[in-house]
Amino acid sequence: MFRLLRLVIFTAGAFIAGVLTERSNAQANCEAANGNWTQQMCIRSDIPHD
């Protein structure tokens, strides 16, 4: 039973670490593309206005 609980805890920890890492990478990519990071979204102004 302890092994199952330990597996769930480690899996949840790995998932959370992956989400945080991916979010950090997305924010760095947004800033590298001259975008504005707003909460959870990258807003770029390179779309031409006709």
PDB file of N, CA and C in Angstrom:
ATOM      1  N   MET A   1       0.828  -1.198   0.000  1.00  0.00           N
ATOM      2  CA  MET A   1       0.000   0.000   0.000  1.00  0.00           C
ATOM      3  C   MET A   1       0.871   1.260   0.000  1.00  0.00           C
ATOM      4  N   PHE A   2       1.961   1.213   0.758  1.00  0.00           N
ATOM      5  CA  PHE A   2       2.844   2.366   0.814  1.00  0.00           C
ATOM      6  C   PHE A   2       3.483   2.634  -0.552  1.00  0.00           C
ATOM      7  N   ARG A   3       3.794   1.571  -1.286  1.00  0.00           N
ATOM      8  CA  ARG A   3       4.401   1.738  -2.604  1.00  0.00           C
ATOM      9  C   ARG A   3       3.444   2.444  -3.565  1.00  0.00           C
ATOM     10  N   LEU A   4       2.177   2.116  -3.488  1.00  0.00           N
ATOM     11  CA  LEU A   4       1.184   2.755  -4.345  1.00  0.00           C
ATOM     12  C   LEU A   4       1.051   4.241  -4.008  1.00  0.00           C
ATOM     13  N   LEU A   5       1.018   4.560  -2.737  1.00  0.00           N
ATOM     14  CA  LEU A   5       0.930   5.946  -2.304  1.00  0.00           C
ATOM     15  C   LEU A   5       2.179   6.725  -2.725  1.00  0.00           C
ATOM     16  N   ARG A   6       3.330   6.107  -2.579  1.00  0.00           N
ATOM     17  CA  ARG A   6       4.584   6.742  -2.984  1.00  0.00           C
ATOM     18  C   ARG A   6       4.610   6.982  -4.492  1.00  0.00           C
ATOM     19  N   LEU A   7       4.112   6.045  -5.266  1.00  0.00           N
ATOM     20  CA  LEU A   7       4.040   6.202  -6.713  1.00  0.00           C
ATOM     21  C   LEU A   7       3.156   7.386  -7.097  1.00  0.00           C
ATOM     22  N   VAL A   8       2.016   7.515  -6.451  1.00  0.00           N
ATOM     23  CA  VAL A   8       1.101   8.624  -6.735  1.00  0.00           C
ATOM     24  C   VAL A   8       1.753   9.952  -6.376  1.00  0.00           C
ATOM     25  N   ILE A   9       2.429  10.021  -5.250  1.00  0.00           N
ATOM     26  CA  ILE A   9       3.079  11.266  -4.818  1.00  0.00           C
ATOM     27  C   ILE A   9       4.193  11.654  -5.783  1.00  0.00           C
ATOM     28  N   PHE A  10       5.035  10.711  -6.172  1.00  0.00           N
ATOM     29  CA  PHE A  10       6.131  11.007  -7.094  1.00  0.00           C
ATOM     30  C   PHE A  10       5.609  11.383  -8.480  1.00  0.00           C
ATOM     31  N   THR A  11       4.555  10.726  -8.931  1.00  0.00           N
ATOM     32  CA  THR A  11       3.976  11.046 -10.233  1.00  0.00           C
ATOM     33  C   THR A  11       3.377  12.448 -10.224  1.00  0.00           C
ATOM     34  N   ALA A  12       2.674  12.798  -9.189  1.00  0.00           N
ATOM     35  CA  ALA A  12       2.103  14.143  -9.075  1.00  0.00           C
ATOM     36  C   ALA A  12       3.211  15.195  -9.013  1.00  0.00           C
ATOM     37  N   GLY A  13       4.274  14.917  -8.274  1.00  0.00           N
ATOM     38  CA  GLY A  13       5.395  15.856  -8.194  1.00  0.00           C
ATOM     39  C   GLY A  13       6.069  16.051  -9.540  1.00  0.00           C
ATOM     40  N   ALA A  14       6.256  14.971 -10.289  1.00  0.00           N
ATOM     41  CA  ALA A  14       6.872  15.072 -11.616  1.00  0.00           C
ATOM     42  C   ALA A  14       5.967  15.844 -12.575  1.00  0.00           C
ATOM     43  N   PHE A  15       4.683  15.632 -12.491  1.00  0.00           N
ATOM     44  CA  PHE A  15       3.739  16.351 -13.345  1.00  0.00           C
ATOM     45  C   PHE A  15       3.778  17.848 -13.062  1.00  0.00           C
ATOM     46  N   ILE A  16       3.754  18.214 -11.803  1.00  0.00           N
ATOM     47  CA  ILE A  16       3.780  19.629 -11.426  1.00  0.00           C
ATOM     48  C   ILE A  16       5.094  20.272 -11.855  1.00  0.00           C
ATOM     49  N   ALA A  17       6.208  19.565 -11.673  1.00  0.00           N
ATOM     50  CA  ALA A  17       7.501  20.096 -12.104  1.00  0.00           C
ATOM     51  C   ALA A  17       7.522  20.297 -13.619  1.00  0.00           C
ATOM     52  N   GLY A  18       6.946  19.388 -14.370  1.00  0.00           N
ATOM     53  CA  GLY A  18       6.892  19.516 -15.819  1.00  0.00           C
ATOM     54  C   GLY A  18       6.050  20.697 -16.262  1.00  0.00           C
ATOM     55  N   VAL A  19       4.927  20.901 -15.610  1.00  0.00           N
ATOM     56  CA  VAL A  19       4.058  22.030 -15.959  1.00  0.00           C
ATOM     57  C   VAL A  19       4.770  23.347 -15.680  1.00  0.00           C
ATOM     58  N   LEU A  20       5.438  23.449 -14.539  1.00  0.00           N
ATOM     59  CA  LEU A  20       6.145  24.683 -14.206  1.00  0.00           C
ATOM     60  C   LEU A  20       7.302  24.942 -15.160  1.00  0.00           C
ATOM     61  N   THR A  21       8.015  23.897 -15.543  1.00  0.00           N
ATOM     62  CA  THR A  21       9.126  24.051 -16.490  1.00  0.00           C
ATOM     63  C   THR A  21       8.621  24.495 -17.849  1.00  0.00           C
ATOM     64  N   GLU A  22       7.560  23.889 -18.324  1.00  0.00           N
ATOM     65  CA  GLU A  22       7.005  24.249 -19.631  1.00  0.00           C
ATOM     66  C   GLU A  22       6.492  25.684 -19.633  1.00  0.00           C
ATOM     67  N   ARG A  23       5.893  26.087 -18.543  1.00  0.00           N
ATOM     68  CA  ARG A  23       5.390  27.453 -18.449  1.00  0.00           C
ATOM     69  C   ARG A  23       6.522  28.467 -18.442  1.00  0.00           C
ATOM     70  N   SER A  24       7.601  28.128 -17.765  1.00  0.00           N
ATOM     71  CA  SER A  24       8.773  28.999 -17.742  1.00  0.00           C
ATOM     72  C   SER A  24       9.382  29.116 -19.131  1.00  0.00           C
ATOM     73  N   ASN A  25       9.458  28.002 -19.853  1.00  0.00           N
ATOM     74  CA  ASN A  25       9.985  28.024 -21.216  1.00  0.00           C
ATOM     75  C   ASN A  25       9.090  28.846 -22.138  1.00  0.00           C
ATOM     76  N   ALA A  26       7.799  28.748 -21.970  1.00  0.00           N
ATOM     77  CA  ALA A  26       6.872  29.510 -22.806  1.00  0.00           C
ATOM     78  C   ALA A  26       7.041  31.007 -22.549  1.00  0.00           C
ATOM     79  N   GLN A  27       7.247  31.380 -21.311  1.00  0.00           N
ATOM     80  CA  GLN A  27       7.431  32.792 -20.982  1.00  0.00           C
ATOM     81  C   GLN A  27       8.747  33.307 -21.569  1.00  0.00           C
ATOM     82  N   ALA A  28       9.812  32.519 -21.508  1.00  0.00           N
ATOM     83  CA  ALA A  28      11.095  32.917 -22.087  1.00  0.00           C
ATOM     84  C   ALA A  28      10.994  33.036 -23.607  1.00  0.00           C
ATOM     85  N   ASN A  29      10.287  32.119 -24.249  1.00  0.00           N
ATOM     86  CA  ASN A  29      10.102  32.192 -25.702  1.00  0.00           C
ATOM     87  C   ASN A  29       9.288  33.419 -26.098  1.00  0.00           C
ATOM     88  N   CYS A  30       8.310  33.767 -25.303  1.00  0.00           N
ATOM     89  CA  CYS A  30       7.489  34.933 -25.575  1.00  0.00           C
ATOM     90  C   CYS A  30       8.337  36.207 -25.498  1.00  0.00           C
ATOM     91  N   GLU A  31       9.149  36.303 -24.464  1.00  0.00           N
ATOM     92  CA  GLU A  31       9.986  37.483 -24.309  1.00  0.00           C
ATOM     93  C   GLU A  31      11.037  37.565 -25.413  1.00  0.00           C
ATOM     94  N   ALA A  32      11.541  36.416 -25.871  1.00  0.00           N
ATOM     95  CA  ALA A  32      12.526  36.404 -26.957  1.00  0.00           C
ATOM     96  C   ALA A  32      11.902  36.850 -28.276  1.00  0.00           C
ATOM     97  N   ALA A  33      10.610  36.664 -28.433  1.00  0.00           N
ATOM     98  CA  ALA A  33       9.906  37.060 -29.661  1.00  0.00           C
ATOM     99  C   ALA A  33       9.292  38.450 -29.528  1.00  0.00           C
ATOM    100  N   ASN A  34       9.757  39.222 -28.538  1.00  0.00           N
ATOM    101  CA  ASN A  34       9.264  40.583 -28.286  1.00  0.00           C
ATOM    102  C   ASN A  34       7.764  40.608 -28.022  1.00  0.00           C
ATOM    103  N   GLY A  35       7.288  39.638 -27.281  1.00  0.00           N
ATOM    104  CA  GLY A  35       5.881  39.600 -26.894  1.00  0.00           C
ATOM    105  C   GLY A  35       5.701  40.041 -25.455  1.00  0.00           C
ATOM    106  N   ASN A  36       4.477  40.273 -25.077  1.00  0.00           N
ATOM    107  CA  ASN A  36       4.138  40.642 -23.701  1.00  0.00           C
ATOM    108  C   ASN A  36       3.461  39.455 -23.035  1.00  0.00           C
ATOM    109  N   TRP A  37       4.044  38.977 -21.941  1.00  0.00           N
ATOM    110  CA  TRP A  37       3.488  37.848 -21.205  1.00  0.00           C
ATOM    111  C   TRP A  37       2.443  38.384 -20.244  1.00  0.00           C
ATOM    112  N   THR A  38       1.194  38.023 -20.444  1.00  0.00           N
ATOM    113  CA  THR A  38       0.091  38.476 -19.619  1.00  0.00           C
ATOM    114  C   THR A  38      -0.579  37.267 -18.994  1.00  0.00           C
ATOM    115  N   GLN A  39      -0.412  37.107 -17.708  1.00  0.00           N
ATOM    116  CA  GLN A  39      -0.966  35.983 -16.952  1.00  0.00           C
ATOM    117  C   GLN A  39      -0.530  34.652 -17.572  1.00  0.00           C
ATOM    118  N   GLN A  40      -1.325  34.056 -18.436  1.00  0.00           N
ATOM    119  CA  GLN A  40      -0.994  32.763 -19.028  1.00  0.00           C
ATOM    120  C   GLN A  40      -0.950  32.832 -20.544  1.00  0.00           C
ATOM    121  N   MET A  41      -0.792  34.022 -21.107  1.00  0.00           N
ATOM    122  CA  MET A  41      -0.896  34.174 -22.547  1.00  0.00           C
ATOM    123  C   MET A  41       0.189  35.124 -23.050  1.00  0.00           C
ATOM    124  N   CYS A  42       0.719  34.783 -24.219  1.00  0.00           N
ATOM    125  CA  CYS A  42       1.697  35.639 -24.873  1.00  0.00           C
ATOM    126  C   CYS A  42       0.976  36.487 -25.912  1.00  0.00           C
ATOM    127  N   ILE A  43       1.152  37.790 -25.813  1.00  0.00           N
ATOM    128  CA  ILE A  43       0.517  38.700 -26.757  1.00  0.00           C
ATOM    129  C   ILE A  43       1.620  39.348 -27.577  1.00  0.00           C
ATOM    130  N   ARG A  44       1.583  39.100 -28.874  1.00  0.00           N
ATOM    131  CA  ARG A  44       2.572  39.671 -29.783  1.00  0.00           C
ATOM    132  C   ARG A  44       1.886  40.655 -30.708  1.00  0.00           C
ATOM    133  N   SER A  45       2.604  41.684 -31.097  1.00  0.00           N
ATOM    134  CA  SER A  45       2.005  42.717 -31.940  1.00  0.00           C
ATOM    135  C   SER A  45       2.611  42.715 -33.341  1.00  0.00           C
ATOM    136  N   ASP A  46       3.063  41.563 -33.824  1.00  0.00           N
ATOM    137  CA  ASP A  46       3.669  41.512 -35.149  1.00  0.00           C
ATOM    138  C   ASP A  46       2.661  41.179 -36.249  1.00  0.00           C
ATOM    139  N   ILE A  47       1.381  41.180 -35.929  1.00  0.00           N
ATOM    140  CA  ILE A  47       0.344  40.913 -36.925  1.00  0.00           C
ATOM    141  C   ILE A  47       0.068  42.221 -37.665  1.00  0.00           C
ATOM    142  N   PRO A  48       0.191  42.237 -38.982  1.00  0.00           N
ATOM    143  CA  PRO A  48      -0.037  43.488 -39.716  1.00  0.00           C
ATOM    144  C   PRO A  48      -1.498  43.909 -39.666  1.00  0.00           C
ATOM    145  N   HIS A  49      -1.686  45.184 -39.529  1.00  0.00           N
ATOM    146  CA  HIS A  49      -3.046  45.737 -39.497  1.00  0.00           C
ATOM    147  C   HIS A  49      -3.348  46.346 -40.853  1.00  0.00           C
ATOM    148  N   ASP A  50      -4.335  45.831 -41.534  1.00  0.00           N
ATOM    149  CA  ASP A  50      -4.704  46.348 -42.865  1.00  0.00           C
ATOM    150  C   ASP A  50      -5.835  47.333 -42.778  1.00  0.00           C
TER     151      ASP A  50
END
